[in-house]
N, C-alpha and C. Protein backbone atom coordinates (compact mmCIF):
# COMPACT_ATOMS: atom_id res chain seq x y z
N MET A 1 -19.99 -3.44 -0.78
CA MET A 1 -18.56 -3.46 -0.23
C MET A 1 -18.26 -5.00 -0.41
N LYS A 2 -16.94 -5.41 -0.61
CA LYS A 2 -16.45 -6.74 -0.64
C LYS A 2 -15.34 -7.15 -0.05
N LYS A 3 -15.46 -7.57 1.30
CA LYS A 3 -14.24 -7.47 1.95
C LYS A 3 -13.23 -8.55 1.55
N VAL A 4 -12.35 -7.96 1.77
CA VAL A 4 -10.59 -8.16 1.86
C VAL A 4 -10.24 -9.38 2.39
N GLY A 5 -9.72 -8.42 3.77
CA GLY A 5 -9.22 -9.12 4.79
C GLY A 5 -9.26 -8.61 5.80
N THR A 6 -8.50 -8.49 7.22
CA THR A 6 -7.75 -7.86 7.72
C THR A 6 -6.66 -8.31 8.14
N TYR A 7 -6.00 -6.38 8.07
CA TYR A 7 -3.46 -6.95 8.45
C TYR A 7 -3.46 -6.49 9.32
N PHE A 8 -2.15 -6.13 9.60
CA PHE A 8 -1.70 -5.76 10.80
C PHE A 8 -0.26 -4.06 9.46
N ILE A 9 -1.29 -3.19 10.25
CA ILE A 9 -0.22 -1.84 9.98
C ILE A 9 0.43 -1.35 11.02
N GLY A 10 1.90 -1.89 11.27
CA GLY A 10 2.06 -1.72 12.51
C GLY A 10 1.64 -2.22 13.30
N HIS A 11 1.41 -2.26 14.78
CA HIS A 11 0.85 -2.83 15.67
C HIS A 11 -0.73 -2.37 15.77
N GLU A 12 -1.77 -2.29 14.49
CA GLU A 12 -2.98 -2.03 14.71
C GLU A 12 -3.62 -2.90 13.56
N ASN A 13 -4.52 -3.86 13.78
CA ASN A 13 -5.47 -4.15 12.61
C ASN A 13 -6.43 -3.42 11.68
N VAL A 14 -6.17 -3.69 10.58
CA VAL A 14 -6.94 -2.70 9.55
C VAL A 14 -7.50 -3.47 8.11
N ARG A 15 -8.50 -3.24 8.42
CA ARG A 15 -9.54 -4.18 7.26
C ARG A 15 -9.56 -3.50 5.91
N ILE A 16 -9.33 -3.85 5.02
CA ILE A 16 -9.61 -4.01 3.67
C ILE A 16 -10.72 -4.43 2.83
N ALA A 17 -11.19 -3.71 2.35
CA ALA A 17 -12.65 -3.71 1.55
C ALA A 17 -12.51 -2.92 -0.12
N PHE A 18 -13.17 -3.81 -0.92
CA PHE A 18 -13.38 -2.81 -2.57
C PHE A 18 -15.14 -2.44 -2.69
N ARG A 19 -15.11 -1.75 -2.91
CA ARG A 19 -15.91 -1.39 -3.02
C ARG A 19 -16.51 -0.72 -4.95
N PRO A 20 -17.65 -0.37 -5.50
CA PRO A 20 -17.73 0.32 -7.07
C PRO A 20 -16.75 1.54 -7.04
N GLY A 21 -16.54 1.40 -8.36
CA GLY A 21 -15.55 2.97 -8.73
C GLY A 21 -14.45 2.70 -8.63
N ASN A 22 -13.69 4.03 -8.84
CA ASN A 22 -12.10 4.31 -8.14
C ASN A 22 -11.93 4.46 -6.84
N GLY A 23 -10.29 5.12 -7.01
CA GLY A 23 -10.02 5.69 -6.00
C GLY A 23 -9.96 5.20 -4.36
N GLY A 24 -9.86 5.66 -3.58
CA GLY A 24 -9.57 5.04 -2.18
C GLY A 24 -9.89 5.94 -1.24
N GLU A 25 -9.68 5.45 0.04
CA GLU A 25 -9.91 5.94 0.88
C GLU A 25 -10.29 5.56 2.74
N PHE A 26 -9.86 5.88 3.91
CA PHE A 26 -9.77 5.04 4.52
C PHE A 26 -10.56 5.48 5.89
N TYR A 27 -10.88 5.02 6.76
CA TYR A 27 -11.68 5.14 7.85
C TYR A 27 -10.94 4.81 9.44
N LEU A 28 -10.22 5.79 9.99
CA LEU A 28 -10.24 5.90 11.40
C LEU A 28 -10.90 5.20 12.52
N SER A 29 -12.31 5.69 12.39
CA SER A 29 -12.72 4.89 13.35
C SER A 29 -14.38 4.73 12.44
N PRO A 30 -14.76 3.36 11.47
CA PRO A 30 -15.42 2.75 10.83
C PRO A 30 -17.20 3.36 11.99
N LYS A 31 -18.11 3.45 11.20
CA LYS A 31 -19.63 3.66 11.33
C LYS A 31 -19.72 2.58 12.12
N ASP A 32 -19.01 1.08 11.01
CA ASP A 32 -20.12 -0.25 12.24
C ASP A 32 -18.65 -0.66 13.32
N LYS A 33 -18.65 0.50 14.01
CA LYS A 33 -17.62 0.51 14.98
C LYS A 33 -16.20 -1.15 15.24
N GLY A 34 -16.14 -0.98 14.06
CA GLY A 34 -15.26 -2.12 13.91
C GLY A 34 -13.11 -1.43 13.67
N CYS A 35 -12.11 -2.07 13.72
CA CYS A 35 -11.02 -1.77 13.64
C CYS A 35 -11.11 -0.85 12.10
N ALA A 36 -9.82 -0.22 12.24
CA ALA A 36 -9.95 1.12 11.16
C ALA A 36 -10.38 0.39 9.63
N LEU A 37 -10.23 1.02 8.53
CA LEU A 37 -10.67 0.42 7.31
C LEU A 37 -10.18 1.25 6.25
N ILE A 38 -9.50 0.06 5.62
CA ILE A 38 -9.62 1.11 4.17
C ILE A 38 -10.48 0.60 2.72
N VAL A 39 -10.69 1.43 2.20
CA VAL A 39 -11.56 0.90 0.84
C VAL A 39 -11.26 1.39 -0.24
N ILE A 40 -11.01 0.18 -1.30
CA ILE A 40 -10.35 0.66 -3.04
C ILE A 40 -11.68 0.22 -3.70
N GLY A 41 -11.75 1.50 -4.80
CA GLY A 41 -12.17 0.83 -5.78
C GLY A 41 -11.97 -0.47 -6.54
N TRP A 42 -13.21 -0.86 -6.82
CA TRP A 42 -12.35 -1.97 -8.12
C TRP A 42 -12.37 -1.47 -9.50
N GLU A 43 -12.91 -0.47 -9.32
CA GLU A 43 -12.82 -0.31 -11.01
C GLU A 43 -11.55 0.42 -11.40
N GLN A 44 -10.27 0.07 -10.91
CA GLN A 44 -9.06 0.69 -10.90
C GLN A 44 -8.42 0.45 -13.21
N ASN A 45 -8.07 1.13 -13.33
CA ASN A 45 -8.22 0.67 -15.05
C ASN A 45 -7.24 -0.44 -14.84
N ASP A 46 -6.07 -0.51 -14.01
CA ASP A 46 -5.17 -1.59 -14.00
C ASP A 46 -4.58 -2.25 -12.34
N TRP A 47 -4.05 -3.51 -12.41
CA TRP A 47 -3.93 -4.08 -11.83
C TRP A 47 -2.39 -2.94 -10.53
N ASN A 48 -1.64 -1.93 -11.41
CA ASN A 48 -0.53 -1.27 -11.32
C ASN A 48 -1.20 0.19 -10.56
N THR A 49 -2.27 0.52 -11.30
CA THR A 49 -2.98 1.86 -10.16
C THR A 49 -3.81 1.12 -8.81
N LEU A 50 -4.46 0.10 -8.93
CA LEU A 50 -5.20 -0.16 -7.95
C LEU A 50 -3.66 -0.77 -6.92
N VAL A 51 -2.81 -1.33 -6.98
CA VAL A 51 -1.49 -1.56 -6.38
C VAL A 51 -1.48 0.18 -5.26
N GLY A 52 -1.09 1.05 -6.85
CA GLY A 52 -0.55 2.22 -6.25
C GLY A 52 -1.90 3.17 -5.32
N VAL A 53 -2.84 2.83 -5.32
CA VAL A 53 -4.24 3.53 -4.47
C VAL A 53 -3.79 2.75 -3.15
N LEU A 54 -3.85 1.67 -2.76
CA LEU A 54 -3.55 1.10 -1.73
C LEU A 54 -2.62 1.55 -0.81
N LEU A 55 -1.47 1.32 -1.89
CA LEU A 55 -0.45 2.11 -1.38
C LEU A 55 -0.81 3.18 -0.91
N HIS A 56 -0.69 4.71 -1.42
CA HIS A 56 -1.46 5.66 -0.91
C HIS A 56 -2.21 5.61 0.17
N GLU A 57 -3.16 4.87 0.11
CA GLU A 57 -3.85 4.82 1.33
C GLU A 57 -3.42 4.67 2.50
N ALA A 58 -2.64 3.42 2.11
CA ALA A 58 -1.77 2.75 3.33
C ALA A 58 -0.93 3.59 4.23
N ILE A 59 -0.23 4.66 3.48
CA ILE A 59 1.20 5.32 3.83
C ILE A 59 -0.25 6.45 4.40
N GLU A 60 -0.97 7.22 3.72
CA GLU A 60 -1.76 8.46 4.87
C GLU A 60 -2.29 7.93 5.46
N PHE A 61 -2.64 6.34 6.06
CA PHE A 61 -3.37 6.05 7.26
C PHE A 61 -2.38 6.11 8.40
N LYS A 62 -1.11 5.53 8.03
CA LYS A 62 -0.09 5.60 8.76
C LYS A 62 0.11 6.84 9.38
N LEU A 63 0.15 7.74 8.48
CA LEU A 63 0.44 9.03 8.85
C LEU A 63 -0.56 9.54 9.56
N ALA A 64 -1.54 9.46 9.28
CA ALA A 64 -2.47 9.88 10.06
C ALA A 64 -2.33 9.62 11.36
N ARG A 65 -1.83 8.23 11.74
CA ARG A 65 -2.25 8.00 12.94
C ARG A 65 -1.16 7.98 14.05
N GLN A 66 0.06 8.24 13.05
CA GLN A 66 1.22 9.35 14.02
C GLN A 66 1.32 10.20 14.28
N GLY A 67 0.08 10.83 14.07
CA GLY A 67 -0.03 12.49 14.12
C GLY A 67 0.90 13.56 13.37
N ASN A 68 1.57 12.63 11.94
CA ASN A 68 2.08 13.67 10.60
C ASN A 68 0.83 14.11 9.94
N ARG A 69 -0.07 14.02 10.28
CA ARG A 69 -1.01 14.62 8.91
C ARG A 69 -1.74 15.93 9.39
N PHE A 70 -1.55 16.65 8.68
CA PHE A 70 -1.80 18.23 9.10
C PHE A 70 -3.04 18.69 8.14
N ASP A 71 -3.90 19.58 9.01
CA ASP A 71 -4.64 20.84 7.46
C ASP A 71 -4.72 21.87 7.64
N PRO A 72 -3.14 22.22 7.46
CA PRO A 72 -2.94 23.83 7.54
C PRO A 72 -4.42 25.10 7.45
N SER A 73 -5.45 24.78 6.76
CA SER A 73 -6.17 25.49 7.21
C SER A 73 -7.02 25.49 8.47
N PRO A 74 -7.50 27.20 8.62
CA PRO A 74 -8.41 26.79 10.59
C PRO A 74 -9.61 26.66 9.60
N ILE A 75 -9.92 26.56 8.79
CA ILE A 75 -11.68 25.69 8.33
C ILE A 75 -11.82 24.46 7.95
N THR A 76 -12.38 23.77 7.95
CA THR A 76 -12.23 22.55 8.28
C THR A 76 -13.05 22.08 7.07
N THR A 77 -12.86 21.69 5.95
CA THR A 77 -12.72 21.43 4.23
C THR A 77 -13.66 20.02 4.56
N THR A 78 -13.79 19.49 3.18
CA THR A 78 -13.69 18.22 2.65
C THR A 78 -13.13 18.06 1.75
N SER A 79 -12.09 18.84 1.64
CA SER A 79 -11.15 18.22 0.66
C SER A 79 -9.94 17.82 0.79
N ASN A 80 -9.65 16.86 0.45
CA ASN A 80 -8.01 16.37 0.65
C ASN A 80 -7.18 16.70 0.27
N ALA A 81 -6.91 17.77 -0.70
CA ALA A 81 -6.25 18.59 -1.32
C ALA A 81 -5.24 19.58 -0.22
N SER A 82 -6.08 19.70 0.85
CA SER A 82 -5.47 20.65 2.17
C SER A 82 -4.61 19.69 2.44
N TYR A 83 -4.64 18.86 2.84
CA TYR A 83 -3.59 18.09 4.29
C TYR A 83 -2.33 18.02 3.39
N MET A 84 -1.35 18.41 4.66
CA MET A 84 0.09 18.10 4.37
C MET A 84 0.70 17.16 5.71
N PHE A 85 1.79 16.99 4.68
CA PHE A 85 2.36 15.86 5.69
C PHE A 85 3.38 16.32 6.36
N MET A 86 3.77 15.78 7.42
CA MET A 86 5.37 16.60 8.17
C MET A 86 5.98 15.62 8.94
N MET A 87 7.23 15.39 8.79
CA MET A 87 8.16 14.05 9.80
C MET A 87 9.50 13.87 9.50
N THR A 88 9.77 13.34 10.63
CA THR A 88 11.28 13.00 10.68
C THR A 88 11.53 12.00 9.69
N HIS A 89 13.30 12.10 9.92
CA HIS A 89 13.62 10.65 9.35
C HIS A 89 13.21 9.36 9.35
N GLU A 90 13.22 9.25 11.23
CA GLU A 90 12.48 8.32 11.97
C GLU A 90 11.22 8.20 11.58
N GLN A 91 10.06 8.65 11.65
CA GLN A 91 8.88 8.72 11.34
C GLN A 91 8.64 8.41 9.98
N MET A 92 9.56 8.69 9.21
CA MET A 92 9.08 8.05 8.62
C MET A 92 9.38 6.70 7.64
N GLU A 93 10.77 6.20 8.86
CA GLU A 93 10.94 4.84 8.74
C GLU A 93 9.94 3.63 9.42
N ASP A 94 9.57 4.64 10.25
CA ASP A 94 8.67 3.54 11.26
C ASP A 94 7.22 3.37 10.03
N MET A 95 7.02 4.51 9.60
CA MET A 95 5.81 4.28 8.66
C MET A 95 5.87 3.26 7.03
N ALA A 96 7.20 2.92 6.45
CA ALA A 96 7.49 2.52 5.63
C ALA A 96 8.17 1.04 6.33
N SER A 97 8.67 1.39 7.74
CA SER A 97 8.46 -0.77 7.91
C SER A 97 6.84 -1.33 8.43
N ALA A 98 6.33 -0.25 8.37
CA ALA A 98 4.58 -0.88 8.77
C ALA A 98 4.14 -1.05 7.67
N VAL A 99 3.83 -0.12 6.73
CA VAL A 99 3.09 -0.36 5.29
C VAL A 99 3.71 -1.14 4.42
N GLY A 100 5.58 -1.83 4.47
CA GLY A 100 5.97 -2.85 3.77
C GLY A 100 5.46 -3.93 4.01
N PRO A 101 5.61 -4.43 5.42
CA PRO A 101 4.92 -5.94 5.57
C PRO A 101 3.49 -6.32 5.57
N PHE A 102 2.77 -4.61 5.26
CA PHE A 102 1.38 -4.60 5.50
C PHE A 102 1.27 -5.26 3.79
N LEU A 103 1.85 -4.56 2.88
CA LEU A 103 1.20 -4.53 1.80
C LEU A 103 2.07 -5.79 1.21
N ALA A 104 3.37 -7.18 1.85
CA ALA A 104 3.39 -8.09 1.10
C ALA A 104 2.52 -9.07 1.96
N ASP A 105 2.07 -8.97 3.10
CA ASP A 105 0.68 -9.54 3.36
C ASP A 105 -0.40 -9.51 2.39
N CYS A 106 -0.78 -8.55 2.32
CA CYS A 106 -2.11 -8.26 1.59
C CYS A 106 -2.92 -8.47 0.01
N LEU A 107 -1.62 -8.09 -0.36
CA LEU A 107 -1.30 -8.13 -2.05
C LEU A 107 -1.79 -9.55 -2.59
N PRO A 108 -1.31 -10.80 -1.85
CA PRO A 108 -2.03 -11.56 -2.61
C PRO A 108 -3.21 -12.32 -2.64
N THR A 109 -3.93 -11.90 -1.43
CA THR A 109 -5.39 -11.87 -1.07
C THR A 109 -5.67 -10.64 -2.21
N VAL A 110 -5.18 -9.31 -2.10
CA VAL A 110 -6.11 -8.80 -2.85
C VAL A 110 -6.25 -9.15 -4.43
N ALA A 111 -5.10 -9.50 -4.94
CA ALA A 111 -4.87 -9.84 -5.94
C ALA A 111 -6.22 -10.46 -6.37
N LYS A 112 -6.56 -11.70 -5.71
CA LYS A 112 -7.68 -12.85 -5.81
C LYS A 112 -8.60 -12.22 -5.76
N VAL A 113 -9.20 -11.31 -4.50
CA VAL A 113 -10.67 -10.68 -4.47
C VAL A 113 -10.68 -9.91 -5.56
N TRP A 114 -9.95 -9.32 -5.96
CA TRP A 114 -9.99 -8.45 -7.43
C TRP A 114 -10.43 -8.83 -8.86
N LYS A 115 -10.11 -9.72 -8.87
CA LYS A 115 -10.03 -10.98 -10.30
C LYS A 115 -11.66 -11.61 -10.34
N THR A 116 -12.32 -11.47 -9.27
CA THR A 116 -13.54 -11.85 -8.69
C THR A 116 -14.76 -10.71 -8.60
N VAL A 117 -14.13 -9.07 -8.35
CA VAL A 117 -15.16 -8.59 -8.72
C VAL A 117 -14.87 -7.50 -10.16
N LYS A 118 -13.98 -7.25 -10.42
CA LYS A 118 -13.51 -6.55 -11.26
C LYS A 118 -14.21 -7.00 -12.78
N LYS A 119 -14.71 -5.85 -13.36
CA LYS A 119 -15.62 -5.81 -14.13
C LYS A 119 -14.69 -5.95 -16.04
N PRO A 120 -14.35 -6.77 -16.61
CA PRO A 120 -13.61 -6.46 -17.97
C PRO A 120 -13.40 -5.66 -18.74
């Protein structure tokens, strides 16, 4: 894993790191017991896709922390496809006002680090 940095989403520190592969995920309570962690695959097809993956993970992270992510199945699964998101307009504003500044702060460094790890 390649560390990018630590940034705020709302009032919480969140680390960003790259790993081989595509897609992304987040950890509310990482195994290393550090602050929350968003991990992005560095083998995305292009910069726009990478930003989309980071945006997706940041939004989902914030909605999970706000209590707006639900799994309607009574059986816990490992499939992310079962999650639902429900929120009021104010909760959507809270999410957007946290994720926007997060992206503005982290994207310059994310771009620099991505250039050092991506393979042509």
